[in-house]
């Protein structure tokens, strides 16, 4: 796996270090961060997402809380990258 380190939260304690890596072959991000609290997950479920998608969190997924400072480490979208369902639907309308 060819991972590239993108960044770590500079304000985090040594033992709590939200970190982002980029999988250079797939473009996927691997993110280490804080697990969302039960209250945050409940709020996410109440807000929902797009029609036709459940708000349940499958066993192979989790909701994380990414500190705002970590947004600076997210790579910019490149021309031709496929966005999420909502973005894709909006661009083809």
N, C-alpha and C. Protein backbone atom coordinates (compact mmCIF):
# COMPACT_ATOMS: atom_id res chain seq x y z
N UNK A 1 0.86 -1.18 0.00
CA UNK A 1 0.00 0.00 0.00
C UNK A 1 0.89 1.23 0.00
N UNK A 2 0.63 2.13 -0.90
CA UNK A 2 1.44 3.34 -0.95
C UNK A 2 0.68 4.49 -0.29
N UNK A 3 0.99 4.72 0.96
CA UNK A 3 0.36 5.80 1.71
C UNK A 3 1.28 7.00 1.78
N UNK A 4 0.67 8.17 1.75
CA UNK A 4 1.43 9.40 1.95
C UNK A 4 0.83 10.13 3.14
N UNK A 5 1.66 10.46 4.10
CA UNK A 5 1.25 11.23 5.27
C UNK A 5 0.87 12.63 4.81
N UNK A 6 -0.33 13.10 5.21
CA UNK A 6 -0.76 14.45 4.84
C UNK A 6 -0.67 15.43 5.99
N UNK A 7 -1.00 14.99 7.20
CA UNK A 7 -0.93 15.93 8.31
C UNK A 7 -1.45 15.35 9.60
N UNK A 8 -1.09 16.04 10.67
CA UNK A 8 -1.49 15.66 12.02
C UNK A 8 -1.94 16.93 12.74
N UNK A 9 -2.94 16.81 13.58
CA UNK A 9 -3.45 17.97 14.32
C UNK A 9 -2.33 18.53 15.21
N UNK A 10 -1.84 19.72 14.90
CA UNK A 10 -0.72 20.27 15.66
C UNK A 10 -1.08 20.62 17.10
N UNK A 11 -2.37 20.72 17.40
CA UNK A 11 -2.79 21.08 18.76
C UNK A 11 -3.18 19.88 19.60
N UNK A 12 -3.01 18.68 19.07
CA UNK A 12 -3.43 17.49 19.81
C UNK A 12 -2.33 17.03 20.77
N UNK A 13 -2.76 16.42 21.88
CA UNK A 13 -1.77 15.85 22.81
C UNK A 13 -1.03 14.69 22.13
N UNK A 14 0.10 14.32 22.65
CA UNK A 14 0.93 13.26 22.06
C UNK A 14 0.16 11.97 21.88
N UNK A 15 -0.68 11.60 22.84
CA UNK A 15 -1.40 10.32 22.77
C UNK A 15 -2.73 10.41 22.04
N UNK A 16 -3.12 11.58 21.60
CA UNK A 16 -4.36 11.76 20.84
C UNK A 16 -4.02 12.58 19.61
N UNK A 17 -3.78 11.90 18.51
CA UNK A 17 -3.24 12.61 17.36
C UNK A 17 -4.05 12.36 16.10
N UNK A 18 -5.14 13.12 15.87
CA UNK A 18 -5.84 12.98 14.60
C UNK A 18 -4.84 13.14 13.44
N UNK A 19 -4.90 12.20 12.51
CA UNK A 19 -3.92 12.13 11.43
C UNK A 19 -4.63 11.77 10.13
N UNK A 20 -4.11 12.26 9.02
CA UNK A 20 -4.67 11.93 7.71
C UNK A 20 -3.55 11.44 6.80
N UNK A 21 -3.85 10.32 6.10
CA UNK A 21 -2.96 9.77 5.09
C UNK A 21 -3.73 9.66 3.78
N UNK A 22 -3.04 9.70 2.67
CA UNK A 22 -3.63 9.53 1.35
C UNK A 22 -3.13 8.23 0.75
N UNK A 23 -4.06 7.39 0.29
CA UNK A 23 -3.69 6.19 -0.45
C UNK A 23 -3.45 6.65 -1.88
N UNK A 24 -2.22 6.66 -2.31
CA UNK A 24 -1.86 7.28 -3.58
C UNK A 24 -2.39 6.54 -4.81
N UNK A 25 -2.70 5.26 -4.68
CA UNK A 25 -3.21 4.52 -5.83
C UNK A 25 -4.71 4.73 -6.02
N UNK A 26 -5.47 4.81 -4.92
CA UNK A 26 -6.92 4.92 -5.03
C UNK A 26 -7.44 6.34 -4.80
N UNK A 27 -6.63 7.18 -4.14
CA UNK A 27 -7.09 8.52 -3.78
C UNK A 27 -7.89 8.54 -2.49
N UNK A 28 -8.08 7.37 -1.87
CA UNK A 28 -8.82 7.30 -0.61
C UNK A 28 -8.03 7.96 0.51
N UNK A 29 -8.76 8.50 1.48
CA UNK A 29 -8.13 9.05 2.67
C UNK A 29 -8.28 8.06 3.81
N UNK A 30 -7.24 7.90 4.59
CA UNK A 30 -7.31 7.13 5.82
C UNK A 30 -7.20 8.15 6.95
N UNK A 31 -8.17 8.13 7.85
CA UNK A 31 -8.26 9.17 8.87
C UNK A 31 -8.31 8.54 10.25
N UNK A 32 -7.40 8.97 11.09
CA UNK A 32 -7.42 8.61 12.51
C UNK A 32 -7.94 9.84 13.24
N UNK A 33 -9.00 9.67 13.99
CA UNK A 33 -9.53 10.81 14.73
C UNK A 33 -10.37 10.31 15.89
N UNK A 34 -11.08 11.21 16.50
CA UNK A 34 -11.89 10.89 17.67
C UNK A 34 -13.18 10.21 17.25
N UNK A 35 -13.54 9.13 17.94
CA UNK A 35 -14.80 8.46 17.70
C UNK A 35 -15.91 9.39 18.17
N UNK A 36 -16.93 9.57 17.36
CA UNK A 36 -18.05 10.42 17.72
C UNK A 36 -18.74 9.84 18.96
N UNK A 37 -19.25 10.72 19.78
CA UNK A 37 -19.98 10.28 20.96
C UNK A 37 -21.34 9.74 20.54
N UNK A 38 -21.99 9.03 21.44
CA UNK A 38 -23.33 8.50 21.16
C UNK A 38 -24.28 9.65 20.83
N UNK A 39 -24.14 10.77 21.52
CA UNK A 39 -25.01 11.93 21.26
C UNK A 39 -24.75 12.50 19.87
N UNK A 40 -23.48 12.54 19.43
CA UNK A 40 -23.16 13.05 18.09
C UNK A 40 -23.71 12.12 17.01
N UNK A 41 -23.60 10.80 17.23
CA UNK A 41 -24.13 9.84 16.26
C UNK A 41 -25.65 9.98 16.19
N UNK A 42 -26.30 10.15 17.33
CA UNK A 42 -27.75 10.35 17.36
C UNK A 42 -28.12 11.60 16.57
N UNK A 43 -27.38 12.69 16.75
CA UNK A 43 -27.63 13.91 16.00
C UNK A 43 -27.47 13.68 14.50
N UNK A 44 -26.44 12.94 14.10
CA UNK A 44 -26.22 12.63 12.67
C UNK A 44 -27.42 11.87 12.11
N UNK A 45 -27.92 10.91 12.88
CA UNK A 45 -29.07 10.13 12.42
C UNK A 45 -30.30 11.01 12.27
N UNK A 46 -30.48 11.96 13.18
CA UNK A 46 -31.64 12.85 13.12
C UNK A 46 -31.56 13.79 11.92
N UNK A 47 -30.37 14.26 11.60
CA UNK A 47 -30.19 15.14 10.44
C UNK A 47 -30.37 14.35 9.15
N UNK A 48 -29.86 13.12 9.12
CA UNK A 48 -30.01 12.27 7.95
C UNK A 48 -29.02 12.58 6.86
N UNK A 49 -29.25 11.98 5.70
CA UNK A 49 -28.37 12.23 4.56
C UNK A 49 -29.23 12.45 3.32
N UNK A 50 -29.14 11.59 2.34
CA UNK A 50 -29.95 11.78 1.12
C UNK A 50 -31.04 10.72 1.08
N UNK A 51 -32.13 11.00 0.38
CA UNK A 51 -33.23 10.03 0.30
C UNK A 51 -32.74 8.67 -0.18
N UNK A 52 -33.27 7.63 0.45
CA UNK A 52 -32.92 6.27 0.06
C UNK A 52 -31.75 5.68 0.81
N UNK A 53 -31.08 6.49 1.62
CA UNK A 53 -29.94 5.98 2.41
C UNK A 53 -30.33 5.93 3.88
N UNK A 54 -30.01 4.83 4.50
CA UNK A 54 -30.29 4.67 5.92
C UNK A 54 -29.34 5.53 6.74
N UNK A 55 -29.75 5.85 7.94
CA UNK A 55 -28.85 6.59 8.84
C UNK A 55 -28.20 5.64 9.84
N UNK A 56 -28.45 4.34 9.69
CA UNK A 56 -27.79 3.37 10.56
C UNK A 56 -26.31 3.33 10.22
N UNK A 57 -25.47 3.04 11.20
CA UNK A 57 -24.03 2.93 10.98
C UNK A 57 -23.69 1.43 11.02
N UNK A 58 -23.34 0.86 9.86
CA UNK A 58 -23.02 -0.58 9.82
C UNK A 58 -21.82 -0.91 10.69
N UNK A 59 -21.70 -2.19 11.03
CA UNK A 59 -20.60 -2.64 11.89
C UNK A 59 -19.23 -2.36 11.30
N UNK A 60 -19.12 -2.28 9.98
CA UNK A 60 -17.82 -2.04 9.37
C UNK A 60 -17.53 -0.55 9.15
N UNK A 61 -18.39 0.33 9.70
CA UNK A 61 -18.18 1.77 9.60
C UNK A 61 -18.29 2.39 10.99
N UNK A 62 -17.85 3.64 11.09
CA UNK A 62 -18.00 4.39 12.32
C UNK A 62 -18.12 5.86 11.96
N UNK A 63 -18.60 6.66 12.88
CA UNK A 63 -18.65 8.11 12.70
C UNK A 63 -17.49 8.68 13.50
N UNK A 64 -16.66 9.50 12.86
CA UNK A 64 -15.56 10.13 13.56
C UNK A 64 -15.78 11.64 13.63
N UNK A 65 -15.14 12.25 14.58
CA UNK A 65 -15.16 13.71 14.70
C UNK A 65 -13.78 14.19 14.32
N UNK A 66 -13.70 14.97 13.25
CA UNK A 66 -12.43 15.48 12.75
C UNK A 66 -12.30 16.94 13.19
N UNK A 67 -11.26 17.28 13.96
CA UNK A 67 -11.09 18.67 14.36
C UNK A 67 -11.00 19.60 13.15
N UNK A 68 -11.60 20.78 13.25
CA UNK A 68 -11.63 21.73 12.14
C UNK A 68 -10.23 22.04 11.60
N UNK A 69 -9.24 22.06 12.47
CA UNK A 69 -7.87 22.35 12.03
C UNK A 69 -7.36 21.33 11.02
N UNK A 70 -7.95 20.11 11.03
CA UNK A 70 -7.50 19.06 10.13
C UNK A 70 -7.98 19.28 8.69
N UNK A 71 -8.97 20.15 8.49
CA UNK A 71 -9.46 20.41 7.14
C UNK A 71 -8.36 20.96 6.24
N UNK A 72 -7.38 21.63 6.83
CA UNK A 72 -6.26 22.17 6.06
C UNK A 72 -5.43 21.08 5.39
N UNK A 73 -5.53 19.85 5.89
CA UNK A 73 -4.73 18.75 5.36
C UNK A 73 -5.45 17.94 4.29
N UNK A 74 -6.74 18.22 4.08
CA UNK A 74 -7.47 17.48 3.06
C UNK A 74 -7.01 17.94 1.68
N UNK A 75 -6.73 17.00 0.78
CA UNK A 75 -6.28 17.39 -0.55
C UNK A 75 -7.42 18.03 -1.33
N UNK A 76 -7.08 18.94 -2.21
CA UNK A 76 -8.07 19.60 -3.05
C UNK A 76 -8.60 18.60 -4.07
N UNK A 77 -9.86 18.72 -4.42
CA UNK A 77 -10.43 17.86 -5.46
C UNK A 77 -9.79 18.23 -6.79
N UNK A 78 -9.51 17.24 -7.58
CA UNK A 78 -8.91 17.48 -8.89
C UNK A 78 -9.97 17.34 -9.97
N UNK A 79 -9.77 18.01 -11.08
CA UNK A 79 -10.67 17.90 -12.22
C UNK A 79 -10.82 16.43 -12.59
N UNK A 80 -12.05 15.98 -12.73
CA UNK A 80 -12.29 14.59 -13.12
C UNK A 80 -12.50 13.65 -11.95
N UNK A 81 -12.20 14.07 -10.72
CA UNK A 81 -12.47 13.21 -9.56
C UNK A 81 -13.97 13.08 -9.40
N UNK A 82 -14.43 11.91 -9.06
CA UNK A 82 -15.86 11.71 -8.86
C UNK A 82 -16.21 12.13 -7.45
N UNK A 83 -17.24 12.95 -7.31
CA UNK A 83 -17.70 13.39 -6.01
C UNK A 83 -18.71 12.42 -5.44
N UNK A 84 -19.29 12.77 -4.32
CA UNK A 84 -20.30 11.96 -3.68
C UNK A 84 -21.60 11.95 -4.47
N UNK A 85 -22.54 11.12 -4.07
CA UNK A 85 -23.82 10.99 -4.76
C UNK A 85 -24.50 12.33 -4.94
N UNK A 86 -24.60 13.11 -3.86
CA UNK A 86 -25.32 14.39 -3.94
C UNK A 86 -24.60 15.35 -4.89
N UNK A 87 -23.27 15.40 -4.79
CA UNK A 87 -22.50 16.29 -5.67
C UNK A 87 -22.64 15.85 -7.12
N UNK A 88 -22.57 14.52 -7.34
CA UNK A 88 -22.67 13.98 -8.69
C UNK A 88 -24.04 14.29 -9.28
N UNK A 89 -25.11 14.11 -8.49
CA UNK A 89 -26.46 14.37 -8.98
C UNK A 89 -26.64 15.86 -9.31
N UNK A 90 -26.08 16.72 -8.47
CA UNK A 90 -26.22 18.17 -8.69
C UNK A 90 -25.50 18.60 -9.96
N UNK A 91 -24.34 18.01 -10.23
CA UNK A 91 -23.57 18.43 -11.40
C UNK A 91 -24.17 17.91 -12.70
N UNK A 92 -24.95 16.83 -12.65
CA UNK A 92 -25.54 16.30 -13.87
C UNK A 92 -26.96 16.81 -14.10
N UNK A 93 -27.44 17.67 -13.21
CA UNK A 93 -28.80 18.20 -13.36
C UNK A 93 -28.83 19.40 -14.29
